[in-house]
Amino acid sequence: MQEILHQLGELFLQAVPTALIVFVFFLVLRSLFFAPLLRVMRERDERTRGAQKGAEAAQAAAAAKIKQYQEALKQARTQVYAEQEAARRKLLEERNAQVKEARARAAEDVRVAKERVAGEFAAARRDVEAGSGQLAAEITRRILESRPPASPARGAR
């Protein structure tokens, strides 16, 4: 058993330089390779986070600008609709005024025509009334003139 322990001790002594070389290699790699690599990775991570925050801020700003644009567009549409409605009302008022004016002219034309017809009717009536006596006299005269002489048979009856 001692021999095994002795062999293990020799093996351990032979492994010590290798372990020291690996340990020194680890320290050298850690200080020369891993430390700068970890620092670069941290900086990259920080930059990535900063870029993400910047992108989020840019997206938020873009969303705010889009919202602002949509509000401005909505207001512009509202204003255009209001202007269109005002123009439509103005046109309706003008049309109504023209219709009222046309009705008034038509009513005046009808009134004038009625007065003219009434005047003509009155003049015709006066002419008929004035000529009715003369016409009656003429009719009577003609009837009496064209009367046949009295026949004896007629008188006997």
C-alpha atoms as a PDB file:
ATOM      1  CA  MET A   1       0.000   0.000   0.000  1.00  0.00           C
ATOM      2  CA  GLN A   2       2.890   2.227   0.683  1.00  0.00           C
ATOM      3  CA  GLU A   3       4.053   1.717  -2.772  1.00  0.00           C
ATOM      4  CA  ILE A   4       0.730   2.935  -4.107  1.00  0.00           C
ATOM      5  CA  LEU A   5       0.956   5.992  -1.891  1.00  0.00           C
ATOM      6  CA  HIS A   6       4.505   6.560  -3.019  1.00  0.00           C
ATOM      7  CA  GLN A   7       3.433   6.275  -6.674  1.00  0.00           C
ATOM      8  CA  LEU A   8       0.555   8.659  -6.000  1.00  0.00           C
ATOM      9  CA  GLY A   9       2.965  11.119  -4.380  1.00  0.00           C
ATOM     10  CA  GLU A  10       5.304  10.942  -7.370  1.00  0.00           C
ATOM     11  CA  LEU A  11       2.365  11.362  -9.700  1.00  0.00           C
ATOM     12  CA  PHE A  12       1.205  14.337  -7.707  1.00  0.00           C
ATOM     13  CA  LEU A  13       4.692  15.881  -7.801  1.00  0.00           C
ATOM     14  CA  GLN A  14       4.805  15.390 -11.542  1.00  0.00           C
ATOM     15  CA  ALA A  15       1.327  16.952 -11.891  1.00  0.00           C
ATOM     16  CA  VAL A  16       2.187  20.026  -9.802  1.00  0.00           C
ATOM     17  CA  PRO A  17       4.169  21.766 -12.577  1.00  0.00           C
ATOM     18  CA  THR A  18       1.349  21.060 -15.036  1.00  0.00           C
ATOM     19  CA  ALA A  19      -1.216  22.398 -12.530  1.00  0.00           C
ATOM     20  CA  LEU A  20       0.978  25.471 -11.973  1.00  0.00           C
ATOM     21  CA  ILE A  21       1.330  26.003 -15.712  1.00  0.00           C
ATOM     22  CA  VAL A  22      -2.460  25.643 -16.145  1.00  0.00           C
ATOM     23  CA  PHE A  23      -3.051  28.033 -13.196  1.00  0.00           C
ATOM     24  CA  VAL A  24      -0.582  30.609 -14.588  1.00  0.00           C
ATOM     25  CA  PHE A  25      -2.096  30.145 -18.058  1.00  0.00           C
ATOM     26  CA  PHE A  26      -5.554  30.743 -16.482  1.00  0.00           C
ATOM     27  CA  LEU A  27      -4.334  33.915 -14.728  1.00  0.00           C
ATOM     28  CA  VAL A  28      -2.693  35.184 -17.903  1.00  0.00           C
ATOM     29  CA  LEU A  29      -5.759  34.392 -19.999  1.00  0.00           C
ATOM     30  CA  ARG A  30      -8.047  35.973 -17.421  1.00  0.00           C
ATOM     31  CA  SER A  31      -6.066  39.193 -17.273  1.00  0.00           C
ATOM     32  CA  LEU A  32      -5.151  39.425 -20.958  1.00  0.00           C
ATOM     33  CA  PHE A  33      -8.115  37.810 -22.697  1.00  0.00           C
ATOM     34  CA  PHE A  34     -11.196  37.329 -20.522  1.00  0.00           C
ATOM     35  CA  ALA A  35     -11.072  40.678 -18.647  1.00  0.00           C
ATOM     36  CA  PRO A  36     -10.976  42.757 -21.897  1.00  0.00           C
ATOM     37  CA  LEU A  37     -13.497  40.394 -23.483  1.00  0.00           C
ATOM     38  CA  LEU A  38     -15.863  40.736 -20.515  1.00  0.00           C
ATOM     39  CA  ARG A  39     -15.339  44.520 -20.519  1.00  0.00           C
ATOM     40  CA  VAL A  40     -16.124  44.691 -24.268  1.00  0.00           C
ATOM     41  CA  MET A  41     -19.188  42.501 -23.733  1.00  0.00           C
ATOM     42  CA  ARG A  42     -20.378  44.767 -20.873  1.00  0.00           C
ATOM     43  CA  GLU A  43     -19.854  47.852 -23.031  1.00  0.00           C
ATOM     44  CA  ARG A  44     -21.687  46.202 -25.904  1.00  0.00           C
ATOM     45  CA  ASP A  45     -24.520  45.234 -23.576  1.00  0.00           C
ATOM     46  CA  GLU A  46     -24.681  48.801 -22.222  1.00  0.00           C
ATOM     47  CA  ARG A  47     -24.654  50.211 -25.753  1.00  0.00           C
ATOM     48  CA  THR A  48     -27.329  47.743 -26.782  1.00  0.00           C
ATOM     49  CA  ARG A  49     -29.467  48.784 -23.846  1.00  0.00           C
ATOM     50  CA  GLY A  50     -28.802  52.432 -24.668  1.00  0.00           C
ATOM     51  CA  ALA A  51     -29.702  51.826 -28.302  1.00  0.00           C
ATOM     52  CA  GLN A  52     -32.857  50.004 -27.232  1.00  0.00           C
ATOM     53  CA  LYS A  53     -33.789  52.886 -24.960  1.00  0.00           C
ATOM     54  CA  GLY A  54     -33.039  55.307 -27.779  1.00  0.00           C
ATOM     55  CA  ALA A  55     -35.165  53.234 -30.162  1.00  0.00           C
ATOM     56  CA  GLU A  56     -37.993  53.133 -27.636  1.00  0.00           C
ATOM     57  CA  ALA A  57     -37.719  56.893 -27.195  1.00  0.00           C
ATOM     58  CA  ALA A  58     -37.723  57.341 -30.981  1.00  0.00           C
ATOM     59  CA  GLN A  59     -40.773  55.075 -31.263  1.00  0.00           C
ATOM     60  CA  ALA A  60     -42.528  57.027 -28.526  1.00  0.00           C
ATOM     61  CA  ALA A  61     -41.652  60.296 -30.279  1.00  0.00           C
ATOM     62  CA  ALA A  62     -42.848  58.880 -33.590  1.00  0.00           C
ATOM     63  CA  ALA A  63     -46.084  57.709 -31.968  1.00  0.00           C
ATOM     64  CA  ALA A  64     -46.557  61.167 -30.462  1.00  0.00           C
ATOM     65  CA  LYS A  65     -45.923  62.788 -33.852  1.00  0.00           C
ATOM     66  CA  ILE A  66     -48.358  60.373 -35.510  1.00  0.00           C
ATOM     67  CA  LYS A  67     -50.960  61.203 -32.881  1.00  0.00           C
ATOM     68  CA  GLN A  68     -50.290  64.911 -33.342  1.00  0.00           C
ATOM     69  CA  TYR A  69     -50.560  64.506 -37.132  1.00  0.00           C
ATOM     70  CA  GLN A  70     -53.821  62.596 -36.785  1.00  0.00           C
ATOM     71  CA  GLU A  71     -55.208  65.302 -34.492  1.00  0.00           C
ATOM     72  CA  ALA A  72     -54.177  68.004 -36.956  1.00  0.00           C
ATOM     73  CA  LEU A  73     -55.738  66.001 -39.787  1.00  0.00           C
ATOM     74  CA  LYS A  74     -58.921  65.552 -37.754  1.00  0.00           C
ATOM     75  CA  GLN A  75     -59.083  69.278 -37.044  1.00  0.00           C
ATOM     76  CA  ALA A  76     -58.471  70.083 -40.702  1.00  0.00           C
ATOM     77  CA  ARG A  77     -61.251  67.705 -41.732  1.00  0.00           C
ATOM     78  CA  THR A  78     -63.573  69.244 -39.159  1.00  0.00           C
ATOM     79  CA  GLN A  79     -62.741  72.707 -40.453  1.00  0.00           C
ATOM     80  CA  VAL A  80     -63.290  71.642 -44.077  1.00  0.00           C
ATOM     81  CA  TYR A  81     -66.626  70.047 -43.148  1.00  0.00           C
ATOM     82  CA  ALA A  82     -67.641  73.218 -41.310  1.00  0.00           C
ATOM     83  CA  GLU A  83     -66.683  75.343 -44.329  1.00  0.00           C
ATOM     84  CA  GLN A  84     -68.591  73.008 -46.648  1.00  0.00           C
ATOM     85  CA  GLU A  85     -71.621  73.178 -44.363  1.00  0.00           C
ATOM     86  CA  ALA A  86     -71.440  76.988 -44.287  1.00  0.00           C
ATOM     87  CA  ALA A  87     -71.187  77.107 -48.090  1.00  0.00           C
ATOM     88  CA  ARG A  88     -74.111  74.693 -48.383  1.00  0.00           C
ATOM     89  CA  ARG A  89     -76.204  76.824 -46.022  1.00  0.00           C
ATOM     90  CA  LYS A  90     -75.311  79.954 -47.969  1.00  0.00           C
ATOM     91  CA  LEU A  91     -76.339  78.300 -51.237  1.00  0.00           C
ATOM     92  CA  LEU A  92     -79.596  77.103 -49.674  1.00  0.00           C
ATOM     93  CA  GLU A  93     -80.321  80.595 -48.373  1.00  0.00           C
ATOM     94  CA  GLU A  94     -79.581  82.096 -51.790  1.00  0.00           C
ATOM     95  CA  ARG A  95     -81.788  79.515 -53.479  1.00  0.00           C
ATOM     96  CA  ASN A  96     -84.581  80.129 -50.971  1.00  0.00           C
ATOM     97  CA  ALA A  97     -84.261  83.866 -51.568  1.00  0.00           C
ATOM     98  CA  GLN A  98     -84.450  83.319 -55.331  1.00  0.00           C
ATOM     99  CA  VAL A  99     -87.487  81.063 -54.888  1.00  0.00           C
ATOM    100  CA  LYS A 100     -89.174  83.699 -52.692  1.00  0.00           C
ATOM    101  CA  GLU A 101     -88.359  86.376 -55.245  1.00  0.00           C
ATOM    102  CA  ALA A 102     -89.724  84.228 -58.085  1.00  0.00           C
ATOM    103  CA  ARG A 103     -92.890  83.503 -56.090  1.00  0.00           C
ATOM    104  CA  ALA A 104     -93.326  87.195 -55.335  1.00  0.00           C
ATOM    105  CA  ARG A 105     -92.895  88.070 -59.038  1.00  0.00           C
ATOM    106  CA  ALA A 106     -95.296  85.299 -60.031  1.00  0.00           C
ATOM    107  CA  ALA A 107     -97.833  86.464 -57.432  1.00  0.00           C
ATOM    108  CA  GLU A 108     -97.479  90.034 -58.707  1.00  0.00           C
ATOM    109  CA  ASP A 109     -97.910  88.848 -62.308  1.00  0.00           C
ATOM    110  CA  VAL A 110    -101.013  86.877 -61.289  1.00  0.00           C
ATOM    111  CA  ARG A 111    -102.398  89.903 -59.405  1.00  0.00           C
ATOM    112  CA  VAL A 112    -101.791  92.172 -62.404  1.00  0.00           C
ATOM    113  CA  ALA A 113    -103.371  89.608 -64.756  1.00  0.00           C
ATOM    114  CA  LYS A 114    -106.402  89.249 -62.444  1.00  0.00           C
ATOM    115  CA  GLU A 115    -106.796  93.028 -62.321  1.00  0.00           C
ATOM    116  CA  ARG A 116    -106.531  93.228 -66.126  1.00  0.00           C
ATOM    117  CA  VAL A 117    -109.048  90.395 -66.578  1.00  0.00           C
ATOM    118  CA  ALA A 118    -111.357  91.996 -64.005  1.00  0.00           C
ATOM    119  CA  GLY A 119    -111.065  95.330 -65.846  1.00  0.00           C
ATOM    120  CA  GLU A 120    -111.762  93.678 -69.189  1.00  0.00           C
ATOM    121  CA  PHE A 121    -114.682  91.811 -67.644  1.00  0.00           C
ATOM    122  CA  ALA A 122    -116.085  95.025 -66.210  1.00  0.00           C
ATOM    123  CA  ALA A 123    -115.626  96.796 -69.558  1.00  0.00           C
ATOM    124  CA  ALA A 124    -117.307  93.905 -71.375  1.00  0.00           C
ATOM    125  CA  ARG A 125    -120.168  93.947 -68.880  1.00  0.00           C
ATOM    126  CA  ARG A 126    -120.606  97.713 -69.343  1.00  0.00           C
ATOM    127  CA  ASP A 127    -120.576  97.249 -73.102  1.00  0.00           C
ATOM    128  CA  VAL A 128    -123.117  94.422 -72.849  1.00  0.00           C
ATOM    129  CA  GLU A 129    -125.285  96.387 -70.418  1.00  0.00           C
ATOM    130  CA  ALA A 130    -125.051  99.501 -72.586  1.00  0.00           C
ATOM    131  CA  GLY A 131    -125.834  97.596 -75.734  1.00  0.00           C
ATOM    132  CA  SER A 132    -128.499  95.326 -74.213  1.00  0.00           C
ATOM    133  CA  GLY A 133    -131.245  97.978 -74.375  1.00  0.00           C
ATOM    134  CA  GLN A 134    -130.406  98.836 -77.956  1.00  0.00           C
ATOM    135  CA  LEU A 135    -130.128  95.133 -78.825  1.00  0.00           C
ATOM    136  CA  ALA A 136    -133.526  94.438 -77.217  1.00  0.00           C
ATOM    137  CA  ALA A 137    -135.052  97.297 -79.146  1.00  0.00           C
ATOM    138  CA  GLU A 138    -133.536  96.003 -82.389  1.00  0.00           C
ATOM    139  CA  ILE A 139    -134.787  92.466 -81.699  1.00  0.00           C
ATOM    140  CA  THR A 140    -138.247  93.785 -80.905  1.00  0.00           C
ATOM    141  CA  ARG A 141    -138.320  95.937 -84.013  1.00  0.00           C
ATOM    142  CA  ARG A 142    -137.322  93.048 -86.241  1.00  0.00           C
ATOM    143  CA  ILE A 143    -139.848  90.726 -84.700  1.00  0.00           C
ATOM    144  CA  LEU A 144    -142.595  93.253 -85.154  1.00  0.00           C
ATOM    145  CA  GLU A 145    -141.591  93.995 -88.715  1.00  0.00           C
ATOM    146  CA  SER A 146    -141.508  90.429 -89.779  1.00  0.00           C
ATOM    147  CA  ARG A 147    -144.912  89.615 -88.287  1.00  0.00           C
ATOM    148  CA  PRO A 148    -147.233  88.217 -90.901  1.00  0.00           C
ATOM    149  CA  PRO A 149    -150.578  89.884 -91.363  1.00  0.00           C
ATOM    150  CA  ALA A 150    -153.337  88.567 -89.226  1.00  0.00           C
ATOM    151  CA  SER A 151    -155.299  85.749 -90.830  1.00  0.00           C
ATOM    152  CA  PRO A 152    -159.070  85.384 -90.359  1.00  0.00           C
ATOM    153  CA  ALA A 153    -158.704  81.824 -89.113  1.00  0.00           C
ATOM    154  CA  ARG A 154    -156.417  82.862 -86.457  1.00  0.00           C
ATOM    155  CA  GLY A 155    -158.599  85.554 -85.194  1.00  0.00           C
ATOM    156  CA  ALA A 156    -161.691  83.293 -84.975  1.00  0.00           C
ATOM    157  CA  ARG A 157    -160.154  80.989 -82.701  1.00  0.00           C
END
